[in-house]
N, C-alpha and C. Protein backbone atom coordinates (compact mmCIF):
# COMPACT_ATOMS: atom_id res chain seq x y z
N MET A 1 -58.68 163.34 170.33
CA MET A 1 -58.39 161.96 170.64
C MET A 1 -59.48 161.07 170.06
N SER A 2 -59.08 160.04 169.39
CA SER A 2 -60.02 159.13 168.74
C SER A 2 -60.46 158.04 169.70
N LEU A 3 -61.71 157.61 169.55
CA LEU A 3 -62.21 156.51 170.37
C LEU A 3 -61.61 155.18 169.94
N PHE A 4 -61.22 155.10 168.69
CA PHE A 4 -60.68 153.86 168.16
C PHE A 4 -59.19 154.01 167.92
N ALA A 5 -58.43 153.13 168.50
CA ALA A 5 -56.98 153.18 168.33
C ALA A 5 -56.62 152.78 166.91
N SER A 6 -55.68 153.48 166.38
CA SER A 6 -55.20 153.14 165.04
C SER A 6 -54.32 151.89 165.15
N SER A 7 -54.70 150.89 164.41
CA SER A 7 -53.92 149.63 164.48
C SER A 7 -53.15 149.46 163.18
N LYS A 8 -52.03 150.14 163.11
CA LYS A 8 -51.19 150.00 161.93
C LYS A 8 -50.39 148.72 162.04
N LYS A 9 -50.46 147.93 160.99
CA LYS A 9 -49.71 146.69 160.98
C LYS A 9 -48.28 146.99 160.56
N PRO A 10 -47.34 146.30 161.16
CA PRO A 10 -45.95 146.55 160.77
C PRO A 10 -45.74 146.12 159.32
N THR A 11 -44.97 146.90 158.61
CA THR A 11 -44.69 146.55 157.22
C THR A 11 -43.36 145.81 157.16
N LEU A 12 -43.30 144.87 156.26
CA LEU A 12 -42.09 144.08 156.07
C LEU A 12 -41.46 144.42 154.73
N SER A 13 -40.16 144.40 154.69
CA SER A 13 -39.49 144.56 153.41
C SER A 13 -39.66 143.25 152.65
N ASN A 14 -39.37 143.28 151.37
CA ASN A 14 -39.48 142.08 150.54
C ASN A 14 -38.57 140.98 151.08
N ASP A 15 -37.36 141.34 151.48
CA ASP A 15 -36.42 140.35 152.02
C ASP A 15 -36.93 139.74 153.32
N GLU A 16 -37.52 140.58 154.18
CA GLU A 16 -38.06 140.08 155.45
C GLU A 16 -39.24 139.14 155.21
N ALA A 17 -40.09 139.49 154.25
CA ALA A 17 -41.25 138.65 153.93
C ALA A 17 -40.79 137.29 153.39
N LEU A 18 -39.79 137.29 152.53
CA LEU A 18 -39.31 136.03 151.97
C LEU A 18 -38.57 135.18 153.00
N ALA A 19 -38.01 135.82 154.02
CA ALA A 19 -37.28 135.08 155.06
C ALA A 19 -38.22 134.56 156.16
N ALA A 20 -39.47 135.05 156.19
CA ALA A 20 -40.43 134.61 157.20
C ALA A 20 -40.67 133.11 157.10
N LYS A 21 -40.95 132.50 158.25
CA LYS A 21 -41.16 131.06 158.31
C LYS A 21 -42.55 130.78 158.87
N PRO A 22 -43.56 130.78 157.98
CA PRO A 22 -44.94 130.61 158.44
C PRO A 22 -45.21 129.22 159.02
N ILE A 23 -46.22 129.18 159.90
CA ILE A 23 -46.60 127.93 160.55
C ILE A 23 -48.13 127.81 160.56
N ARG A 24 -48.61 126.58 160.43
CA ARG A 24 -50.05 126.32 160.48
C ARG A 24 -50.54 126.57 161.90
N LEU A 25 -51.68 127.24 162.03
CA LEU A 25 -52.26 127.51 163.34
C LEU A 25 -53.43 126.58 163.64
N THR A 26 -54.16 126.20 162.62
CA THR A 26 -55.32 125.35 162.79
C THR A 26 -55.65 124.69 161.47
N GLY A 27 -56.47 123.70 161.51
CA GLY A 27 -56.92 123.05 160.29
C GLY A 27 -56.31 121.67 160.12
N GLU A 28 -57.06 120.83 159.43
CA GLU A 28 -56.61 119.47 159.16
C GLU A 28 -56.79 119.19 157.67
N LEU A 29 -55.72 118.75 157.04
CA LEU A 29 -55.74 118.50 155.60
C LEU A 29 -56.02 117.03 155.33
N THR A 30 -56.95 116.79 154.41
CA THR A 30 -57.21 115.45 153.90
C THR A 30 -56.90 115.49 152.42
N GLU A 31 -55.83 114.79 152.03
CA GLU A 31 -55.42 114.80 150.63
C GLU A 31 -56.25 113.81 149.82
N LYS A 32 -56.50 114.17 148.57
CA LYS A 32 -57.23 113.28 147.67
C LYS A 32 -56.29 112.14 147.26
N PRO A 33 -56.84 110.94 147.09
CA PRO A 33 -55.99 109.79 146.76
C PRO A 33 -55.24 109.93 145.44
N ASP A 34 -55.77 110.72 144.51
CA ASP A 34 -55.12 110.86 143.21
C ASP A 34 -54.00 111.90 143.22
N GLY A 35 -53.77 112.54 144.37
CA GLY A 35 -52.70 113.54 144.48
C GLY A 35 -53.03 114.86 143.82
N GLN A 36 -54.29 115.08 143.49
CA GLN A 36 -54.69 116.29 142.79
C GLN A 36 -55.37 117.31 143.69
N GLY A 37 -54.94 117.40 144.91
CA GLY A 37 -55.50 118.40 145.81
C GLY A 37 -55.92 117.79 147.12
N GLY A 38 -56.79 118.51 147.81
CA GLY A 38 -57.26 118.03 149.10
C GLY A 38 -58.27 118.98 149.70
N GLN A 39 -58.73 118.62 150.88
CA GLN A 39 -59.68 119.44 151.62
C GLN A 39 -59.07 119.83 152.96
N LEU A 40 -59.14 121.11 153.26
CA LEU A 40 -58.66 121.64 154.52
C LEU A 40 -59.87 121.93 155.39
N THR A 41 -59.98 121.24 156.51
CA THR A 41 -61.12 121.40 157.41
C THR A 41 -60.67 122.21 158.62
N VAL A 42 -61.44 123.26 158.91
CA VAL A 42 -61.09 124.21 159.97
C VAL A 42 -62.27 124.30 160.94
N PRO A 43 -62.01 124.14 162.24
CA PRO A 43 -63.10 124.30 163.21
C PRO A 43 -63.60 125.74 163.23
N LEU A 44 -64.90 125.90 163.37
CA LEU A 44 -65.50 127.23 163.43
C LEU A 44 -65.71 127.65 164.88
N ALA A 45 -65.53 128.92 165.12
CA ALA A 45 -65.79 129.49 166.44
C ALA A 45 -66.51 130.82 166.23
N PRO A 46 -67.46 131.15 167.08
CA PRO A 46 -68.14 132.44 166.93
C PRO A 46 -67.18 133.58 167.22
N PRO A 47 -67.44 134.76 166.68
CA PRO A 47 -66.59 135.92 167.00
C PRO A 47 -66.53 136.12 168.51
N LYS A 48 -65.36 136.44 169.02
CA LYS A 48 -65.13 136.53 170.46
C LYS A 48 -66.10 137.49 171.16
N ARG A 49 -66.38 138.60 170.54
CA ARG A 49 -67.22 139.61 171.18
C ARG A 49 -68.71 139.27 171.10
N MET A 50 -69.06 138.30 170.27
CA MET A 50 -70.48 138.01 170.08
C MET A 50 -70.83 136.55 170.33
N LYS A 51 -70.14 135.91 171.24
CA LYS A 51 -70.43 134.51 171.54
C LYS A 51 -71.86 134.33 172.01
N TRP A 52 -72.38 135.32 172.69
CA TRP A 52 -73.75 135.24 173.20
C TRP A 52 -74.78 135.27 172.07
N LEU A 53 -74.41 135.85 170.93
CA LEU A 53 -75.34 135.98 169.82
C LEU A 53 -75.24 134.82 168.84
N PHE A 54 -74.01 134.36 168.57
CA PHE A 54 -73.79 133.28 167.61
C PHE A 54 -73.61 131.97 168.34
N LYS A 55 -74.54 131.07 168.14
CA LYS A 55 -74.43 129.74 168.74
C LYS A 55 -74.14 128.74 167.62
N LEU A 56 -73.00 128.11 167.69
CA LEU A 56 -72.62 127.12 166.69
C LEU A 56 -72.76 125.73 167.30
N PRO A 57 -73.18 124.77 166.48
CA PRO A 57 -73.26 123.41 167.01
C PRO A 57 -71.86 122.87 167.31
N PRO A 58 -71.75 121.97 168.26
CA PRO A 58 -70.44 121.38 168.56
C PRO A 58 -69.86 120.70 167.33
N GLY A 59 -68.59 120.91 167.11
CA GLY A 59 -67.93 120.29 165.96
C GLY A 59 -68.16 121.00 164.64
N ALA A 60 -68.73 122.21 164.67
CA ALA A 60 -68.96 122.96 163.43
C ALA A 60 -67.62 123.26 162.77
N SER A 61 -67.58 123.13 161.45
CA SER A 61 -66.33 123.38 160.73
C SER A 61 -66.61 123.93 159.35
N LYS A 62 -65.57 124.40 158.73
CA LYS A 62 -65.63 124.91 157.36
C LYS A 62 -64.58 124.16 156.57
N THR A 63 -64.89 123.85 155.32
CA THR A 63 -63.96 123.10 154.48
C THR A 63 -63.55 123.95 153.29
N PHE A 64 -62.25 123.96 153.02
CA PHE A 64 -61.69 124.66 151.86
C PHE A 64 -61.11 123.62 150.91
N GLU A 65 -61.37 123.79 149.63
CA GLU A 65 -60.78 122.92 148.61
C GLU A 65 -59.42 123.49 148.21
N LEU A 66 -58.39 122.66 148.23
CA LEU A 66 -57.06 123.08 147.80
C LEU A 66 -56.66 122.30 146.56
N ASP A 67 -55.98 122.98 145.64
CA ASP A 67 -55.42 122.27 144.50
C ASP A 67 -54.09 121.65 144.92
N ALA A 68 -53.42 120.99 144.00
CA ALA A 68 -52.17 120.30 144.33
C ALA A 68 -51.10 121.27 144.84
N ILE A 69 -51.04 122.45 144.26
CA ILE A 69 -50.05 123.44 144.72
C ILE A 69 -50.40 123.91 146.14
N GLY A 70 -51.69 124.12 146.41
CA GLY A 70 -52.11 124.51 147.75
C GLY A 70 -51.75 123.46 148.79
N VAL A 71 -51.90 122.18 148.43
CA VAL A 71 -51.52 121.09 149.33
C VAL A 71 -50.02 121.11 149.58
N LEU A 72 -49.22 121.31 148.52
CA LEU A 72 -47.77 121.38 148.67
C LEU A 72 -47.38 122.51 149.62
N VAL A 73 -47.97 123.68 149.41
CA VAL A 73 -47.65 124.83 150.27
C VAL A 73 -48.09 124.54 151.70
N TRP A 74 -49.31 124.05 151.90
CA TRP A 74 -49.82 123.77 153.25
C TRP A 74 -48.89 122.80 153.98
N ASN A 75 -48.45 121.78 153.28
CA ASN A 75 -47.60 120.76 153.91
C ASN A 75 -46.21 121.28 154.28
N THR A 76 -45.79 122.40 153.70
CA THR A 76 -44.47 122.95 154.03
C THR A 76 -44.53 124.03 155.11
N LEU A 77 -45.71 124.34 155.60
CA LEU A 77 -45.86 125.38 156.63
C LEU A 77 -45.57 124.78 157.99
N ASP A 78 -44.28 124.69 158.31
CA ASP A 78 -43.85 124.02 159.54
C ASP A 78 -43.13 124.95 160.52
N GLY A 79 -43.03 126.22 160.19
CA GLY A 79 -42.32 127.16 161.05
C GLY A 79 -40.81 127.10 160.90
N LYS A 80 -40.32 126.21 160.05
CA LYS A 80 -38.88 126.06 159.82
C LYS A 80 -38.51 126.42 158.38
N THR A 81 -39.47 126.30 157.48
CA THR A 81 -39.23 126.54 156.06
C THR A 81 -39.62 127.97 155.72
N SER A 82 -38.70 128.71 155.10
CA SER A 82 -38.98 130.11 154.76
C SER A 82 -39.89 130.20 153.55
N VAL A 83 -40.52 131.36 153.40
CA VAL A 83 -41.38 131.61 152.25
C VAL A 83 -40.58 131.44 150.97
N GLU A 84 -39.35 131.91 150.96
CA GLU A 84 -38.49 131.78 149.77
C GLU A 84 -38.27 130.30 149.43
N GLN A 85 -38.03 129.46 150.44
CA GLN A 85 -37.84 128.03 150.20
C GLN A 85 -39.12 127.39 149.67
N ILE A 86 -40.27 127.82 150.19
CA ILE A 86 -41.55 127.30 149.71
C ILE A 86 -41.73 127.63 148.24
N ILE A 87 -41.43 128.87 147.87
CA ILE A 87 -41.56 129.30 146.48
C ILE A 87 -40.65 128.47 145.58
N LYS A 88 -39.42 128.22 146.03
CA LYS A 88 -38.49 127.41 145.24
C LYS A 88 -39.00 125.98 145.08
N ARG A 89 -39.62 125.43 146.12
CA ARG A 89 -40.19 124.07 146.02
C ARG A 89 -41.32 124.02 145.01
N VAL A 90 -42.18 125.03 145.05
CA VAL A 90 -43.30 125.09 144.10
C VAL A 90 -42.75 125.20 142.68
N ALA A 91 -41.76 126.08 142.48
CA ALA A 91 -41.18 126.26 141.15
C ALA A 91 -40.57 124.96 140.64
N LYS A 92 -39.83 124.28 141.49
CA LYS A 92 -39.18 123.04 141.08
C LYS A 92 -40.20 121.94 140.79
N GLN A 93 -41.17 121.77 141.69
CA GLN A 93 -42.17 120.70 141.55
C GLN A 93 -43.02 120.86 140.29
N TYR A 94 -43.34 122.11 139.93
CA TYR A 94 -44.25 122.36 138.81
C TYR A 94 -43.57 123.00 137.61
N ASN A 95 -42.24 122.95 137.59
CA ASN A 95 -41.46 123.43 136.45
C ASN A 95 -41.84 124.87 136.07
N LEU A 96 -41.79 125.76 137.07
CA LEU A 96 -42.10 127.17 136.87
C LEU A 96 -40.87 128.00 137.15
N ASN A 97 -40.82 129.22 136.58
CA ASN A 97 -39.73 130.11 137.00
C ASN A 97 -40.14 130.70 138.35
N LEU A 98 -39.19 131.31 139.04
CA LEU A 98 -39.46 131.78 140.39
C LEU A 98 -40.59 132.81 140.45
N ARG A 99 -40.66 133.68 139.48
CA ARG A 99 -41.71 134.71 139.46
C ARG A 99 -43.09 134.06 139.29
N GLU A 100 -43.18 133.05 138.43
CA GLU A 100 -44.45 132.36 138.21
C GLU A 100 -44.91 131.65 139.48
N ALA A 101 -43.98 131.19 140.28
CA ALA A 101 -44.32 130.50 141.53
C ALA A 101 -44.55 131.50 142.66
N GLN A 102 -43.85 132.62 142.64
CA GLN A 102 -43.90 133.58 143.74
C GLN A 102 -45.26 134.24 143.89
N VAL A 103 -45.81 134.74 142.82
CA VAL A 103 -47.05 135.52 142.91
C VAL A 103 -48.20 134.70 143.50
N PRO A 104 -48.55 133.55 142.95
CA PRO A 104 -49.67 132.81 143.54
C PRO A 104 -49.37 132.26 144.94
N THR A 105 -48.12 131.92 145.21
CA THR A 105 -47.77 131.40 146.53
C THR A 105 -47.95 132.48 147.58
N LEU A 106 -47.49 133.69 147.30
CA LEU A 106 -47.64 134.79 148.25
C LEU A 106 -49.12 135.15 148.44
N GLN A 107 -49.89 135.13 147.37
CA GLN A 107 -51.32 135.43 147.48
C GLN A 107 -52.02 134.38 148.34
N PHE A 108 -51.67 133.11 148.14
CA PHE A 108 -52.26 132.03 148.92
C PHE A 108 -51.90 132.18 150.40
N LEU A 109 -50.64 132.48 150.68
CA LEU A 109 -50.22 132.66 152.07
C LEU A 109 -50.93 133.85 152.72
N GLN A 110 -51.12 134.93 151.97
CA GLN A 110 -51.83 136.09 152.51
C GLN A 110 -53.27 135.74 152.84
N THR A 111 -53.90 134.96 151.97
CA THR A 111 -55.28 134.52 152.22
C THR A 111 -55.35 133.67 153.48
N LEU A 112 -54.42 132.74 153.62
CA LEU A 112 -54.41 131.89 154.81
C LEU A 112 -54.20 132.71 156.07
N MET A 113 -53.35 133.73 155.99
CA MET A 113 -53.09 134.59 157.15
C MET A 113 -54.33 135.41 157.51
N LYS A 114 -55.02 135.95 156.50
CA LYS A 114 -56.23 136.74 156.76
C LYS A 114 -57.31 135.90 157.42
N LYS A 115 -57.37 134.63 157.07
CA LYS A 115 -58.37 133.72 157.64
C LYS A 115 -57.94 133.16 158.99
N GLY A 116 -56.73 133.52 159.44
CA GLY A 116 -56.25 133.07 160.73
C GLY A 116 -55.79 131.62 160.76
N LEU A 117 -55.48 131.07 159.61
CA LEU A 117 -55.05 129.67 159.52
C LEU A 117 -53.54 129.51 159.61
N VAL A 118 -52.82 130.61 159.33
CA VAL A 118 -51.37 130.59 159.30
C VAL A 118 -50.85 131.82 160.03
N GLY A 119 -49.73 131.66 160.72
CA GLY A 119 -49.10 132.77 161.40
C GLY A 119 -47.59 132.72 161.17
N VAL A 120 -46.94 133.79 161.56
CA VAL A 120 -45.48 133.85 161.46
C VAL A 120 -44.96 134.14 162.86
N PRO A 121 -44.21 133.17 163.42
CA PRO A 121 -43.68 133.39 164.77
C PRO A 121 -42.73 134.58 164.79
N ALA A 122 -42.76 135.30 165.89
CA ALA A 122 -41.84 136.44 166.05
C ALA A 122 -40.42 135.90 166.19
N GLU A 123 -39.50 136.58 165.55
CA GLU A 123 -38.09 136.19 165.64
C GLU A 123 -37.56 136.50 167.02
N LYS A 124 -36.78 135.61 167.57
CA LYS A 124 -36.17 135.83 168.87
C LYS A 124 -34.92 136.69 168.70
N SER A 125 -34.82 137.73 169.50
CA SER A 125 -33.66 138.63 169.40
C SER A 125 -32.53 138.16 170.25
């Protein structure tokens, strides 16, 4: 018996991943006036298990620079728009074929999910 439980993440099929409807969990976007990107500001919190060790000043935050495509994707993360619809919007807005839009959009969404900025609500059965 292992001391550490194996935490296997559920795997999604390609169709399930494209049908997912991600939603923003935290962060505030400030778009640049020229429409060429923006800054995403996220409040910082110490790791849950080490709050006693890490003391952050009140209002501590981290800022991420987003390009125009990142801003478009961030603005569509409403929990109602599917990943496939987001990819189609990116392709249409920037005159790309679906494959050219799919790869960077999925990578960006994965990064946001790893950082805890985006989640996918569980489907109601």
